[in-house]
């Protein structure tokens, strides 16, 4: 396989300016998305460039302590993002989210270490940081959907929950229906998209490895493991967040605290 072809800075700028096409249509049809698009993609480019130069140093140092600190920063940033987008008050969810992401990270990176590179090398920056970033980052969307769905279903069907309690069910048993609905909402799209990988679309990691010169078979092996890890980690995340948040979001009489919800403006 040929090595990856570098992209010149001029070519990168040219590719970036193709955004003028959607910006033109957004402006012409008054969608209100022009400003958000410019800000979003500008932030994306600046953040990635900054991280790229920083990662170059981190890869050069390859210190276990620095690598783990980097992962910890990713865990905290992801936790705050999930808590914010869940439309629930952060003080009730931040700790459960952080703990669930940590469990997801430990479980999945341990599996990858065993299957992929061996326990001796998996804490190196080359493996630990990219794999952790993909696993943690891809847990955000499903976690937000799952948490939102659970607490929204609960808010709408609180009388049903109380009925379950009155008929002798415990709190954990009474919430089973709402947890089932939340898992269905969070993972039905992922299951549907996963079923057509390779048939309709090729995922980013696999495409990137092939463009970088890796054998398609090697790229496929990585992609299968990664998609499995993302899915498993996402389910672990949603279930653990909801289970761990029960202690802080319910009172001693097993009633949901109304103040957990952020009031709509």
Protein backbone atom coordinates (compact mmCIF):
# COMPACT_ATOMS: atom_id res chain seq x y z
CA UNK A 1 0.00 0.00 0.00
CA UNK A 2 1.18 3.55 -0.72
CA UNK A 3 1.86 5.84 2.24
CA UNK A 4 -0.61 8.61 3.02
CA UNK A 5 -0.42 11.66 0.78
CA UNK A 6 -0.04 14.87 2.77
CA UNK A 7 -2.53 17.69 2.21
CA UNK A 8 -0.97 21.07 1.59
CA UNK A 9 -2.15 24.04 3.66
CA UNK A 10 -3.34 25.73 0.46
CA UNK A 11 -5.42 22.66 -0.46
CA UNK A 12 -6.83 22.57 3.06
CA UNK A 13 -7.94 26.20 2.81
CA UNK A 14 -9.46 25.55 -0.63
CA UNK A 15 -11.43 22.57 0.70
CA UNK A 16 -12.60 24.59 3.69
CA UNK A 17 -13.96 27.33 1.45
CA UNK A 18 -16.38 24.91 -0.20
CA UNK A 19 -18.51 25.80 2.83
CA UNK A 20 -19.49 28.88 0.83
CA UNK A 21 -21.95 26.63 -1.05
CA UNK A 22 -24.16 25.69 1.94
CA UNK A 23 -23.71 29.18 3.39
CA UNK A 24 -25.07 30.63 0.16
CA UNK A 25 -28.19 28.43 0.28
CA UNK A 26 -28.69 29.00 4.02
CA UNK A 27 -28.55 32.75 3.44
CA UNK A 28 -30.70 32.76 0.32
CA UNK A 29 -33.47 30.74 1.92
CA UNK A 30 -33.22 32.58 5.26
CA UNK A 31 -32.71 29.45 7.35
CA UNK A 32 -30.98 31.29 10.20
CA UNK A 33 -28.14 28.74 10.03
CA UNK A 34 -25.48 30.91 8.37
CA UNK A 35 -23.96 32.36 11.54
CA UNK A 36 -24.08 29.03 13.39
CA UNK A 37 -22.42 27.26 10.46
CA UNK A 38 -19.56 29.77 10.27
CA UNK A 39 -18.97 29.70 14.03
CA UNK A 40 -19.24 25.92 14.28
CA UNK A 41 -16.83 25.10 11.47
CA UNK A 42 -14.39 27.85 12.47
CA UNK A 43 -14.30 26.47 16.01
CA UNK A 44 -13.89 22.95 14.66
CA UNK A 45 -10.91 23.93 12.50
CA UNK A 46 -9.17 25.96 15.22
CA UNK A 47 -9.74 23.32 17.88
CA UNK A 48 -8.48 20.50 15.68
CA UNK A 49 -5.40 22.45 14.62
CA UNK A 50 -4.60 23.30 18.24
CA UNK A 51 -5.14 19.69 19.34
CA UNK A 52 -3.07 18.42 16.41
CA UNK A 53 -0.02 20.48 17.38
CA UNK A 54 -0.49 19.59 21.05
CA UNK A 55 -0.87 15.88 20.29
CA UNK A 56 2.37 16.01 18.33
CA UNK A 57 4.12 17.00 21.58
CA UNK A 58 2.18 14.45 23.65
CA UNK A 59 3.10 11.66 21.22
CA UNK A 60 6.72 12.76 21.39
CA UNK A 61 6.79 12.77 25.22
CA UNK A 62 4.71 9.58 25.47
CA UNK A 63 4.38 9.90 29.24
CA UNK A 64 1.85 7.59 30.93
CA UNK A 65 0.94 10.37 33.39
CA UNK A 66 0.35 12.93 30.62
CA UNK A 67 -1.64 10.40 28.58
CA UNK A 68 -3.93 9.65 31.53
CA UNK A 69 -4.37 13.36 32.32
CA UNK A 70 -5.40 13.90 28.69
CA UNK A 71 -7.99 11.12 28.99
CA UNK A 72 -9.27 12.61 32.26
CA UNK A 73 -9.76 15.97 30.54
CA UNK A 74 -11.72 14.23 27.77
CA UNK A 75 -13.89 12.46 30.36
CA UNK A 76 -14.67 15.70 32.19
CA UNK A 77 -15.40 17.62 28.97
CA UNK A 78 -17.69 14.84 27.69
CA UNK A 79 -19.49 14.65 31.05
CA UNK A 80 -20.16 18.39 31.07
CA UNK A 81 -21.38 18.27 27.45
CA UNK A 82 -23.80 15.39 28.15
CA UNK A 83 -25.11 17.07 31.31
CA UNK A 84 -25.67 20.36 29.50
CA UNK A 85 -27.45 18.83 26.50
CA UNK A 86 -29.69 16.62 28.61
CA UNK A 87 -31.75 19.68 29.63
CA UNK A 88 -31.52 18.66 33.29
CA UNK A 89 -29.71 20.42 36.11
CA UNK A 90 -26.04 19.58 36.09
CA UNK A 91 -25.66 19.01 39.84
CA UNK A 92 -27.93 15.96 39.66
CA UNK A 93 -26.22 14.31 36.68
CA UNK A 94 -22.57 15.33 36.43
CA UNK A 95 -21.18 12.81 38.92
CA UNK A 96 -23.23 9.84 37.57
CA UNK A 97 -22.23 10.73 34.00
CA UNK A 98 -18.53 11.01 34.89
CA UNK A 99 -18.56 7.67 36.71
CA UNK A 100 -20.38 5.93 33.86
CA UNK A 101 -17.97 7.33 31.26
CA UNK A 102 -15.06 6.20 33.44
CA UNK A 103 -16.51 2.68 33.60
CA UNK A 104 -17.01 2.75 29.83
CA UNK A 105 -13.40 3.87 29.33
CA UNK A 106 -11.89 1.25 31.65
CA UNK A 107 -13.96 -1.60 30.20
CA UNK A 108 -13.40 -0.79 26.54
CA UNK A 109 -9.74 0.19 26.69
CA UNK A 110 -9.02 -2.97 28.68
CA UNK A 111 -10.68 -5.07 25.96
CA UNK A 112 -8.79 -3.20 23.24
CA UNK A 113 -5.55 -3.61 25.16
CA UNK A 114 -6.06 -7.35 25.34
CA UNK A 115 -7.23 -7.82 21.75
CA UNK A 116 -5.24 -5.18 19.93
CA UNK A 117 -1.83 -4.31 21.32
CA UNK A 118 -1.25 -6.18 24.57
CA UNK A 119 -1.20 -4.72 28.05
CA UNK A 120 2.41 -3.64 27.71
CA UNK A 121 1.81 -0.92 25.12
CA UNK A 122 -1.84 0.14 25.32
CA UNK A 123 -1.15 3.14 27.58
CA UNK A 124 1.10 4.67 24.92
CA UNK A 125 -0.23 7.90 23.42
CA UNK A 126 -0.53 6.35 19.94
CA UNK A 127 -3.21 3.90 21.10
CA UNK A 128 -4.71 5.24 24.32
CA UNK A 129 -5.62 8.78 23.25
CA UNK A 130 -7.20 8.12 19.81
CA UNK A 131 -9.12 5.03 20.98
CA UNK A 132 -10.33 6.74 24.15
CA UNK A 133 -11.38 9.80 22.17
CA UNK A 134 -13.44 7.75 19.73
CA UNK A 135 -15.07 5.63 22.44
CA UNK A 136 -15.85 8.55 24.77
CA UNK A 137 -16.86 10.95 22.00
CA UNK A 138 -19.24 8.49 20.37
CA UNK A 139 -20.96 7.91 23.71
CA UNK A 140 -22.16 11.52 23.92
CA UNK A 141 -25.07 11.36 21.46
CA UNK A 142 -26.59 8.11 22.75
CA UNK A 143 -26.16 9.25 26.36
CA UNK A 144 -27.94 12.54 25.73
CA UNK A 145 -30.83 10.82 23.94
CA UNK A 146 -31.12 8.11 26.58
CA UNK A 147 -31.09 10.48 29.57
CA UNK A 148 -33.51 12.92 27.95
CA UNK A 149 -35.89 10.14 26.98
CA UNK A 150 -35.87 8.51 30.41
CA UNK A 151 -36.65 11.68 32.34
CA UNK A 152 -39.11 12.97 29.73
CA UNK A 153 -41.01 9.67 29.71
CA UNK A 154 -41.00 9.74 33.49
CA UNK A 155 -42.34 13.29 33.60
CA UNK A 156 -45.17 12.44 31.20
CA UNK A 157 -46.03 9.11 32.83
CA UNK A 158 -45.39 9.83 36.51
CA UNK A 159 -48.88 8.55 37.43
CA UNK A 160 -47.98 5.18 35.92
CA UNK A 161 -44.81 5.06 38.02
CA UNK A 162 -46.82 5.81 41.18
CA UNK A 163 -49.28 3.10 40.23
CA UNK A 164 -46.43 0.59 40.01
CA UNK A 165 -45.24 1.67 43.47
CA UNK A 166 -48.73 1.31 44.94
CA UNK A 167 -49.02 -2.22 43.55
CA UNK A 168 -45.88 -3.27 45.42
CA UNK A 169 -43.09 -2.60 42.96
CA UNK A 170 -39.81 -1.13 44.17
CA UNK A 171 -38.34 2.01 42.64
CA UNK A 172 -35.91 0.12 40.40
CA UNK A 173 -38.63 -2.23 39.23
CA UNK A 174 -41.08 0.62 38.63
CA UNK A 175 -38.69 2.48 36.34
CA UNK A 176 -37.98 -0.56 34.16
CA UNK A 177 -40.52 0.49 31.51
CA UNK A 178 -39.05 4.00 31.24
CA UNK A 179 -35.50 2.63 31.03
CA UNK A 180 -36.62 0.27 28.26
CA UNK A 181 -38.08 3.18 26.25
CA UNK A 182 -34.94 5.27 26.81
CA UNK A 183 -32.66 2.47 25.54
CA UNK A 184 -34.90 1.99 22.51
CA UNK A 185 -34.76 5.69 21.63
CA UNK A 186 -31.00 5.91 22.15
CA UNK A 187 -29.90 2.84 20.21
CA UNK A 188 -32.46 2.14 17.48
CA UNK A 189 -30.74 4.63 15.09
CA UNK A 190 -27.29 3.18 15.88
CA UNK A 191 -28.47 -0.40 15.29
CA UNK A 192 -30.05 0.64 11.98
CA UNK A 193 -26.94 2.47 10.74
CA UNK A 194 -24.61 -0.32 11.90
CA UNK A 195 -26.53 -2.88 9.85
CA UNK A 196 -25.65 -1.10 6.58
CA UNK A 197 -21.97 -0.40 7.27
CA UNK A 198 -19.96 -1.65 4.31
CA UNK A 199 -23.07 -1.98 2.16
CA UNK A 200 -24.10 1.68 1.94
CA UNK A 201 -21.37 3.67 3.69
CA UNK A 202 -17.80 3.27 4.93
CA UNK A 203 -17.07 4.68 8.41
CA UNK A 204 -14.50 7.39 9.01
CA UNK A 205 -11.88 5.32 10.82
CA UNK A 206 -11.81 2.64 8.15
CA UNK A 207 -11.69 5.21 5.34
CA UNK A 208 -8.94 7.14 7.11
CA UNK A 209 -6.79 4.05 7.56
CA UNK A 210 -7.19 3.05 3.92
CA UNK A 211 -6.31 6.57 2.77
CA UNK A 212 -3.33 6.40 5.13
CA UNK A 213 -2.02 3.32 3.33
CA UNK A 214 -3.30 0.50 5.55
CA UNK A 215 -4.58 -2.75 4.08
CA UNK A 216 -8.40 -2.78 3.69
CA UNK A 217 -8.55 -6.03 5.70
CA UNK A 218 -6.63 -4.46 8.61
CA UNK A 219 -8.85 -1.36 8.43
CA UNK A 220 -11.96 -3.57 8.51
CA UNK A 221 -10.73 -5.43 11.60
CA UNK A 222 -10.15 -2.15 13.42
CA UNK A 223 -13.56 -0.85 12.36
CA UNK A 224 -15.41 -3.95 13.54
CA UNK A 225 -13.77 -3.74 16.96
CA UNK A 226 -14.35 0.00 17.21
CA UNK A 227 -18.05 -0.14 16.26
CA UNK A 228 -18.56 -2.94 18.78
CA UNK A 229 -16.77 -0.95 21.49
CA UNK A 230 -18.79 2.20 20.75
CA UNK A 231 -22.09 0.31 20.92
CA UNK A 232 -21.22 -1.65 24.07
CA UNK A 233 -19.85 1.48 25.75
CA UNK A 234 -22.93 3.49 24.82
CA UNK A 235 -25.27 0.95 26.39
CA UNK A 236 -23.11 0.76 29.52
CA UNK A 237 -23.13 4.53 29.69
CA UNK A 238 -26.89 5.05 29.42
CA UNK A 239 -27.79 2.30 31.87
CA UNK A 240 -25.19 3.36 34.45
CA UNK A 241 -26.04 7.08 34.23
CA UNK A 242 -29.72 6.42 34.84
CA UNK A 243 -29.07 3.87 37.60
CA UNK A 244 -26.52 6.08 39.36
CA UNK A 245 -28.65 9.22 39.04
CA UNK A 246 -31.59 7.63 40.86
CA UNK A 247 -30.08 8.35 44.27
CA UNK A 248 -29.69 12.07 43.64
CA UNK A 249 -32.82 12.67 41.53
CA UNK A 250 -35.32 10.88 43.80
CA UNK A 251 -36.16 11.76 47.40
CA UNK A 252 -36.40 9.38 50.36
CA UNK A 253 -40.04 8.59 49.48
CA UNK A 254 -39.04 7.50 45.93
CA UNK A 255 -40.59 10.60 44.34
CA UNK A 256 -38.73 12.34 41.55
CA UNK A 257 -37.43 15.77 42.57
CA UNK A 258 -39.17 18.32 40.35
CA UNK A 259 -36.24 20.71 40.57
CA UNK A 260 -34.12 18.37 38.41
CA UNK A 261 -35.79 19.79 35.30
CA UNK A 262 -34.59 23.02 33.75
CA UNK A 263 -37.57 25.30 33.22
CA UNK A 264 -38.14 26.29 29.60
CA UNK A 265 -37.67 29.96 28.87
